[in-house]
Amino acid sequence: MSAGAGGPVLIYGAGAVGQFLGGSLALAGREVVLLARPGLRAALARAPLTLLAERPGLDAPPPDAIAVPTVGAIGELARPTALVILAVKGYDTAGALPDLRQLVAAGATVLTVQNGVGHEETLREALGAGAVCSGAFTINVSVAAPGRVVRHTMKGGLGLAPVGGGEIAPLLELFRPTALPVVAARTHRVLKWSKGLLNILGNAQSALLDLPPAALFADPRLFAIERRAFREAHAVMRAAGIGLTDLPAYPVRALTAGMALPAPLAHRLLAGRLGAGRGDKLPSLALDLHAARGRSEIAWYNGAIVAGGARYGVPTPVNAALTRLVTAATVDPAAWTPYRGNPARLLAELERDGAGG
């Protein structure tokens, strides 16, 4: 795509991340359209899309508001789009493919900012490598109400990488007028596996325990499990020949070095920083369990590490146990009950699986 190409940027998946990126681009003067559900469409017909900080202060930007048009289906687009920013949950990718194929056939490029590992490979197979680019978003945001997006962390930004040798210079130019820090990585695997290390931190255990990440990191026993899961993931990356890259506000290389220290020292050095970065907001896997959707993104998080370990001969017992437990809790809410607020029960279960500290 060309940053100056005709046609709007289509946000496909107008949740918190999609609305935030769409609003940021619109505020920078880019033409944006949100593919939105009826509730969001109705809200944005009444009031502009609003981006605001969780805790207004000297370092927080004032609320921004801008009118952004919406469509309920891609057939409502007035003209072809040059770029589609894909921000749906991993389990919704398959359902989006017919629309994405139609949009790509009309000349669009797809930028996936989905969390987890494996989306680029799915899209590349379905759409062709030349039609796909990779993104990693590192700002913590949530939807307070339809059309009102709250930014929980002031730092962070966007990482971009090519898929299959594609060109990302037009994307860098597209985001240049926004206030978002943007960095480039050499490959999508380096970008998404580095982000994947962050995605798994304080996620599966927090979901099972129904415990905010800051409280989880403060417990040395639970932190030790996080550290082991993280180190398993990095071992898979090394076996696969995947390097590390730093992301906006997240020095992934330094974090990885810190996690390699003995557990007590790693806890002393990192727990407070990680807790401050994730805070009291429940992570994505916990939100899926609370929503009782019967599905979660665990397959693209810890599950992807397990799959990579099997492929490259790297043991991943902690990630395997967490994947099994979250999957069971997703399918049957009764399987979640024993672990909620009960770290001792979870630690005992992990010990039985050979995944204890």
Protein backbone atom coordinates (compact mmCIF):
# COMPACT_ATOMS: atom_id res chain seq x y z
CA MET A 1 0.00 0.00 0.00
CA SER A 2 0.99 3.62 -0.39
CA ALA A 3 0.56 6.02 2.47
CA GLY A 4 -0.97 8.43 0.03
CA ALA A 5 -3.10 5.87 -1.78
CA GLY A 6 -6.76 6.58 -2.29
CA GLY A 7 -9.35 4.94 -0.12
CA PRO A 8 -9.77 4.88 3.62
CA VAL A 9 -8.01 2.82 6.25
CA LEU A 10 -10.54 0.20 7.34
CA ILE A 11 -10.44 -0.91 10.98
CA TYR A 12 -11.60 -4.53 10.94
CA GLY A 13 -12.26 -5.39 14.57
CA ALA A 14 -13.30 -2.18 16.31
CA GLY A 15 -12.60 -3.18 19.89
CA ALA A 16 -10.31 -1.21 22.17
CA VAL A 17 -7.17 -1.55 20.02
CA GLY A 18 -9.02 -1.01 16.74
CA GLN A 19 -10.83 2.07 18.01
CA PHE A 20 -7.62 3.49 19.48
CA LEU A 21 -5.61 3.03 16.29
CA GLY A 22 -8.47 4.27 14.13
CA GLY A 23 -8.94 7.32 16.33
CA SER A 24 -5.21 8.06 16.37
CA LEU A 25 -5.03 7.94 12.57
CA ALA A 26 -8.17 10.05 12.18
CA LEU A 27 -6.82 12.66 14.59
CA ALA A 28 -3.68 12.78 12.42
CA GLY A 29 -5.77 13.57 9.36
CA ARG A 30 -6.00 10.10 7.84
CA GLU A 31 -9.27 8.88 6.34
CA VAL A 32 -10.57 6.05 8.54
CA VAL A 33 -13.66 3.85 8.59
CA LEU A 34 -14.58 1.46 11.40
CA LEU A 35 -16.28 -1.86 10.66
CA ALA A 36 -18.49 -1.79 13.73
CA ARG A 37 -21.23 -3.70 15.49
CA PRO A 38 -24.65 -2.02 15.87
CA GLY A 39 -24.02 -0.78 19.42
CA LEU A 40 -20.82 1.03 18.45
CA ARG A 41 -22.37 2.40 15.26
CA ALA A 42 -25.25 3.85 17.25
CA ALA A 43 -22.89 5.37 19.83
CA LEU A 44 -20.70 6.99 17.17
CA ALA A 45 -23.76 8.37 15.40
CA ARG A 46 -24.58 10.25 18.61
CA ALA A 47 -21.09 11.33 19.70
CA PRO A 48 -17.51 11.36 18.41
CA LEU A 49 -14.97 8.63 19.11
CA THR A 50 -13.16 9.67 22.31
CA LEU A 51 -9.70 8.64 23.50
CA LEU A 52 -8.89 9.48 27.12
CA ALA A 53 -6.34 8.67 29.82
CA GLU A 54 -7.23 6.52 32.81
CA ARG A 55 -5.57 8.93 35.25
CA PRO A 56 -5.40 12.47 33.86
CA GLY A 57 -2.21 14.19 34.94
CA LEU A 58 0.79 16.15 33.80
CA ASP A 59 2.08 13.28 31.65
CA ALA A 60 -1.34 12.33 30.26
CA PRO A 61 -2.74 13.80 27.06
CA PRO A 62 -6.11 15.58 27.26
CA PRO A 63 -9.12 13.67 25.93
CA ASP A 64 -9.30 13.64 22.15
CA ALA A 65 -12.56 13.34 20.24
CA ILE A 66 -13.16 13.00 16.53
CA ALA A 67 -16.03 11.86 14.35
CA VAL A 68 -15.19 8.60 12.55
CA PRO A 69 -17.56 7.02 10.02
CA THR A 70 -18.64 3.41 10.39
CA VAL A 71 -19.96 0.59 8.24
CA GLY A 72 -21.74 -2.58 9.28
CA ALA A 73 -20.35 -4.67 6.41
CA ILE A 74 -17.62 -4.26 3.81
CA GLY A 75 -20.27 -3.97 1.10
CA GLU A 76 -21.16 -0.57 2.56
CA LEU A 77 -17.75 0.91 1.76
CA ALA A 78 -18.09 3.77 -0.67
CA ARG A 79 -14.78 2.96 -2.36
CA PRO A 80 -11.96 0.41 -2.05
CA THR A 81 -9.66 0.66 0.93
CA ALA A 82 -5.88 0.75 0.66
CA LEU A 83 -5.23 -0.72 4.12
CA VAL A 84 -7.12 -3.00 6.48
CA ILE A 85 -6.00 -2.99 10.12
CA LEU A 86 -7.04 -6.37 11.46
CA ALA A 87 -7.68 -6.25 15.21
CA VAL A 88 -10.08 -9.15 15.80
CA LYS A 89 -9.48 -11.86 18.39
CA GLY A 90 -7.52 -14.85 17.14
CA TYR A 91 -10.55 -17.11 17.20
CA ASP A 92 -12.37 -14.69 14.85
CA THR A 93 -9.71 -14.75 12.13
CA ALA A 94 -11.22 -17.67 10.20
CA GLY A 95 -14.58 -15.92 10.03
CA ALA A 96 -12.94 -12.76 8.70
CA LEU A 97 -11.10 -14.46 5.83
CA PRO A 98 -13.90 -14.21 3.21
CA ASP A 99 -14.08 -10.44 3.75
CA LEU A 100 -10.30 -10.10 3.77
CA ARG A 101 -9.96 -12.04 0.51
CA GLN A 102 -12.47 -9.69 -1.12
CA LEU A 103 -10.69 -6.59 0.21
CA VAL A 104 -7.26 -7.85 -0.89
CA ALA A 105 -8.62 -8.70 -4.35
CA ALA A 106 -9.66 -5.03 -4.60
CA GLY A 107 -6.11 -3.90 -3.77
CA ALA A 108 -5.93 -3.68 0.03
CA THR A 109 -3.02 -4.63 2.27
CA VAL A 110 -3.81 -6.27 5.62
CA LEU A 111 -1.91 -5.16 8.72
CA THR A 112 -2.55 -7.59 11.57
CA VAL A 113 -2.11 -6.13 15.05
CA GLN A 114 -3.54 -9.25 16.69
CA ASN A 115 -1.88 -10.55 19.82
CA GLY A 116 -0.25 -13.95 19.83
CA VAL A 117 1.84 -16.07 17.48
CA GLY A 118 0.65 -17.63 14.24
CA HIS A 119 -1.75 -15.09 12.72
CA GLU A 120 0.69 -13.96 10.03
CA GLU A 121 1.15 -17.54 8.87
CA THR A 122 -2.63 -18.05 8.63
CA LEU A 123 -3.11 -14.81 6.71
CA ARG A 124 -0.13 -15.40 4.44
CA GLU A 125 -1.52 -18.79 3.42
CA ALA A 126 -5.00 -17.39 2.82
CA LEU A 127 -4.17 -14.02 1.25
CA GLY A 128 -0.62 -14.25 -0.07
CA ALA A 129 2.55 -12.96 1.57
CA GLY A 130 2.56 -9.73 -0.41
CA ALA A 131 -0.81 -8.72 1.01
CA VAL A 132 0.10 -9.04 4.71
CA CYS A 133 2.14 -6.95 7.15
CA SER A 134 2.70 -7.51 10.86
CA GLY A 135 2.08 -5.17 13.79
CA ALA A 136 2.51 -5.31 17.57
CA PHE A 137 0.64 -2.81 19.75
CA THR A 138 2.08 -2.10 23.21
CA ILE A 139 -0.34 0.37 24.82
CA ASN A 140 -2.77 -0.95 27.40
CA VAL A 141 -6.28 0.18 26.39
CA SER A 142 -9.85 -0.82 27.16
CA VAL A 143 -13.37 0.20 26.17
CA ALA A 144 -15.15 2.12 28.93
CA ALA A 145 -18.29 2.40 26.80
CA PRO A 146 -18.93 2.13 23.05
CA GLY A 147 -16.91 4.89 21.42
CA ARG A 148 -14.93 5.73 24.59
CA VAL A 149 -11.46 4.16 24.79
CA VAL A 150 -9.36 4.43 27.94
CA ARG A 151 -5.58 4.44 27.78
CA HIS A 152 -4.14 2.78 30.91
CA THR A 153 -0.44 3.30 30.12
CA MET A 154 1.05 6.52 28.81
CA LYS A 155 4.06 4.82 27.25
CA GLY A 156 3.98 2.34 24.40
CA GLY A 157 3.39 2.39 20.69
CA LEU A 158 3.47 0.20 17.62
CA GLY A 159 5.98 -2.22 16.12
CA LEU A 160 5.84 -3.05 12.40
CA ALA A 161 7.47 -5.80 10.36
CA PRO A 162 7.23 -7.27 6.87
CA VAL A 163 5.77 -10.67 6.10
CA GLY A 164 7.40 -12.55 3.25
CA GLY A 165 9.66 -9.69 2.21
CA GLY A 166 6.91 -7.09 1.92
CA GLU A 167 7.49 -3.35 2.24
CA ILE A 168 6.60 -1.52 5.47
CA ALA A 169 7.93 1.94 4.59
CA PRO A 170 4.42 3.11 3.54
CA LEU A 171 3.08 1.98 6.94
CA LEU A 172 5.79 3.88 8.76
CA GLU A 173 4.80 6.94 6.74
CA LEU A 174 1.11 6.37 7.45
CA PHE A 175 1.64 6.44 11.22
CA ARG A 176 4.29 9.18 11.20
CA PRO A 177 1.81 12.07 11.80
CA THR A 178 0.28 10.33 14.83
CA ALA A 179 1.62 10.70 18.34
CA LEU A 180 2.43 6.98 18.48
CA PRO A 181 6.06 5.86 18.75
CA VAL A 182 6.64 3.39 15.91
CA VAL A 183 9.56 0.98 15.48
CA ALA A 184 10.41 -1.48 12.72
CA ALA A 185 11.55 -5.09 13.15
CA ARG A 186 13.33 -7.10 10.49
CA THR A 187 10.84 -10.00 10.38
CA HIS A 188 7.36 -10.71 11.63
CA ARG A 189 8.61 -13.72 13.60
CA VAL A 190 11.05 -11.56 15.57
CA LEU A 191 8.31 -8.97 16.16
CA LYS A 192 5.48 -11.30 17.15
CA TRP A 193 7.53 -13.73 19.25
CA SER A 194 9.07 -10.80 21.13
CA LYS A 195 5.57 -9.45 21.74
CA GLY A 196 4.47 -12.97 22.59
CA LEU A 197 6.88 -12.99 25.52
CA LEU A 198 4.96 -10.00 26.86
CA ASN A 199 1.55 -11.49 26.02
CA ILE A 200 2.10 -14.53 28.23
CA LEU A 201 3.33 -12.57 31.27
CA GLY A 202 0.65 -12.30 33.94
CA ASN A 203 -2.00 -13.71 31.63
CA ALA A 204 -2.84 -17.43 31.99
CA GLN A 205 -2.14 -17.59 35.74
CA SER A 206 -3.99 -14.32 36.32
CA ALA A 207 -6.95 -15.71 34.40
CA LEU A 208 -7.04 -18.97 36.33
CA LEU A 209 -6.66 -17.25 39.69
CA ASP A 210 -8.90 -14.31 38.75
CA LEU A 211 -6.11 -12.19 40.16
CA PRO A 212 -4.73 -8.91 38.77
CA PRO A 213 -1.21 -9.21 37.33
CA ALA A 214 0.30 -6.82 39.92
CA ALA A 215 -0.84 -9.11 42.75
CA LEU A 216 0.41 -12.18 40.91
CA PHE A 217 3.89 -10.76 40.32
CA ALA A 218 4.13 -9.77 43.99
CA ASP A 219 3.90 -13.46 45.04
CA PRO A 220 7.36 -15.09 44.66
CA ARG A 221 5.81 -18.53 44.08
CA LEU A 222 3.59 -17.34 41.25
CA PHE A 223 6.35 -15.18 39.82
CA ALA A 224 8.55 -18.28 39.64
CA ILE A 225 5.94 -19.96 37.42
CA GLU A 226 5.81 -16.87 35.18
CA ARG A 227 9.59 -16.93 34.92
CA ARG A 228 9.64 -20.61 33.93
CA ALA A 229 6.96 -20.12 31.29
CA PHE A 230 8.86 -17.12 29.92
CA ARG A 231 12.15 -19.02 29.78
CA GLU A 232 10.50 -21.95 28.02
CA ALA A 233 9.21 -19.53 25.38
CA HIS A 234 12.64 -17.99 24.91
CA ALA A 235 14.20 -21.45 24.62
CA VAL A 236 11.78 -22.22 21.77
CA MET A 237 12.74 -18.94 20.09
CA ARG A 238 16.44 -19.81 20.31
CA ALA A 239 15.83 -23.29 18.91
CA ALA A 240 13.85 -21.79 16.03
CA GLY A 241 16.50 -19.15 15.32
CA ILE A 242 14.16 -16.28 16.22
CA GLY A 243 15.85 -13.21 17.66
CA LEU A 244 14.59 -10.56 20.06
CA THR A 245 13.58 -6.98 19.41
CA ASP A 246 12.72 -4.18 21.80
CA LEU A 247 9.24 -2.70 21.51
CA PRO A 248 7.96 0.78 22.41
CA ALA A 249 8.14 1.08 26.24
CA TYR A 250 9.19 -2.58 26.56
CA PRO A 251 12.94 -3.40 26.51
CA VAL A 252 12.39 -7.06 25.64
CA ARG A 253 16.11 -7.86 25.53
CA ALA A 254 16.71 -6.54 29.04
CA LEU A 255 13.60 -8.30 30.34
CA THR A 256 14.82 -11.59 28.86
CA ALA A 257 18.23 -11.13 30.49
CA GLY A 258 16.54 -10.39 33.82
CA MET A 259 14.41 -13.52 33.60
CA ALA A 260 17.59 -15.57 33.14
CA LEU A 261 18.80 -14.53 36.61
CA PRO A 262 18.14 -16.80 39.62
CA ALA A 263 14.46 -16.67 40.56
CA PRO A 264 14.85 -14.71 43.85
CA LEU A 265 17.00 -12.05 42.17
CA ALA A 266 14.74 -11.89 39.11
CA HIS A 267 11.75 -11.40 41.39
CA ARG A 268 13.48 -8.64 43.33
CA LEU A 269 14.48 -6.79 40.17
CA LEU A 270 11.44 -7.31 37.94
CA ALA A 271 8.28 -7.95 39.95
CA GLY A 272 7.62 -4.30 40.79
CA ARG A 273 8.28 -3.11 37.25
CA LEU A 274 6.10 -5.79 35.70
CA GLY A 275 3.34 -5.13 38.19
CA ALA A 276 3.40 -1.41 37.45
CA GLY A 277 3.29 -2.13 33.72
CA ARG A 278 0.28 -4.45 33.93
CA GLY A 279 -1.40 -3.05 37.05
CA ASP A 280 -4.86 -3.97 38.27
CA LYS A 281 -6.54 -4.48 34.88
CA LEU A 282 -7.39 -8.12 34.28
CA PRO A 283 -5.65 -9.61 31.24
CA SER A 284 -7.28 -10.78 28.04
CA LEU A 285 -7.59 -14.46 28.97
CA ALA A 286 -9.35 -13.53 32.21
CA LEU A 287 -11.78 -11.31 30.30
CA ASP A 288 -12.58 -14.24 28.01
CA LEU A 289 -13.30 -16.46 31.02
CA HIS A 290 -15.51 -13.81 32.62
CA ALA A 291 -17.40 -13.40 29.35
CA ALA A 292 -18.03 -17.17 29.23
CA ARG A 293 -17.59 -17.17 25.46
CA GLY A 294 -16.49 -20.80 25.42
CA ARG A 295 -13.30 -19.78 23.60
CA SER A 296 -10.08 -17.93 24.31
CA GLU A 297 -6.80 -17.01 22.64
CA ILE A 298 -4.70 -19.44 24.68
CA ALA A 299 -3.81 -21.38 21.51
CA TRP A 300 -1.94 -18.32 20.16
CA TYR A 301 -0.29 -17.56 23.50
CA ASN A 302 1.01 -20.41 25.66
CA GLY A 303 -0.35 -22.95 23.18
CA ALA A 304 1.86 -21.57 20.42
CA ILE A 305 4.88 -22.06 22.68
CA VAL A 306 3.89 -25.67 23.29
CA ALA A 307 3.50 -26.23 19.54
CA GLY A 308 6.90 -24.64 18.89
CA GLY A 309 8.48 -26.75 21.60
CA ALA A 310 7.13 -29.92 20.01
CA ARG A 311 8.44 -28.82 16.62
CA TYR A 312 11.95 -28.03 17.83
CA GLY A 313 12.34 -30.56 20.63
CA VAL A 314 12.17 -28.06 23.51
CA PRO A 315 10.36 -29.13 26.72
CA THR A 316 7.53 -26.73 27.66
CA PRO A 317 5.82 -28.29 30.72
CA VAL A 318 4.70 -25.01 32.33
CA ASN A 319 3.15 -23.64 29.15
CA ALA A 320 1.54 -27.01 28.44
CA ALA A 321 -0.04 -27.12 31.90
CA LEU A 322 -1.31 -23.55 31.68
CA THR A 323 -2.72 -24.20 28.22
CA ARG A 324 -4.53 -27.31 29.44
CA LEU A 325 -5.99 -25.58 32.50
CA VAL A 326 -7.14 -22.43 30.68
CA THR A 327 -8.66 -24.53 27.89
CA ALA A 328 -10.58 -26.62 30.42
CA ALA A 329 -11.82 -23.50 32.24
CA THR A 330 -12.87 -21.95 28.94
CA VAL A 331 -14.92 -24.95 27.90
CA ASP A 332 -16.41 -25.62 31.36
CA PRO A 333 -16.73 -22.74 33.86
CA ALA A 334 -16.94 -25.30 36.67
CA ALA A 335 -13.34 -26.24 35.94
CA TRP A 336 -12.34 -22.64 36.69
CA THR A 337 -13.93 -22.48 40.13
CA PRO A 338 -11.30 -24.46 42.11
CA TYR A 339 -8.49 -22.05 41.11
CA ARG A 340 -10.17 -18.65 41.50
CA GLY A 341 -8.47 -16.89 44.39
CA ASN A 342 -6.65 -20.10 45.32
CA PRO A 343 -2.94 -19.97 44.42
CA ALA A 344 -2.15 -23.02 46.57
CA ARG A 345 -4.54 -25.15 44.51
CA LEU A 346 -3.07 -23.96 41.23
CA LEU A 347 0.51 -24.47 42.39
CA ALA A 348 -0.34 -27.99 43.55
CA GLU A 349 -1.88 -28.78 40.16
CA LEU A 350 1.16 -27.44 38.35
CA GLU A 351 3.40 -29.52 40.60
CA ARG A 352 1.45 -32.65 39.68
CA ASP A 353 1.98 -31.80 36.02
CA GLY A 354 5.71 -31.50 36.55
CA ALA A 355 5.45 -27.74 36.01
CA GLY A 356 5.92 -26.55 39.58
CA GLY A 357 8.66 -24.25 40.82
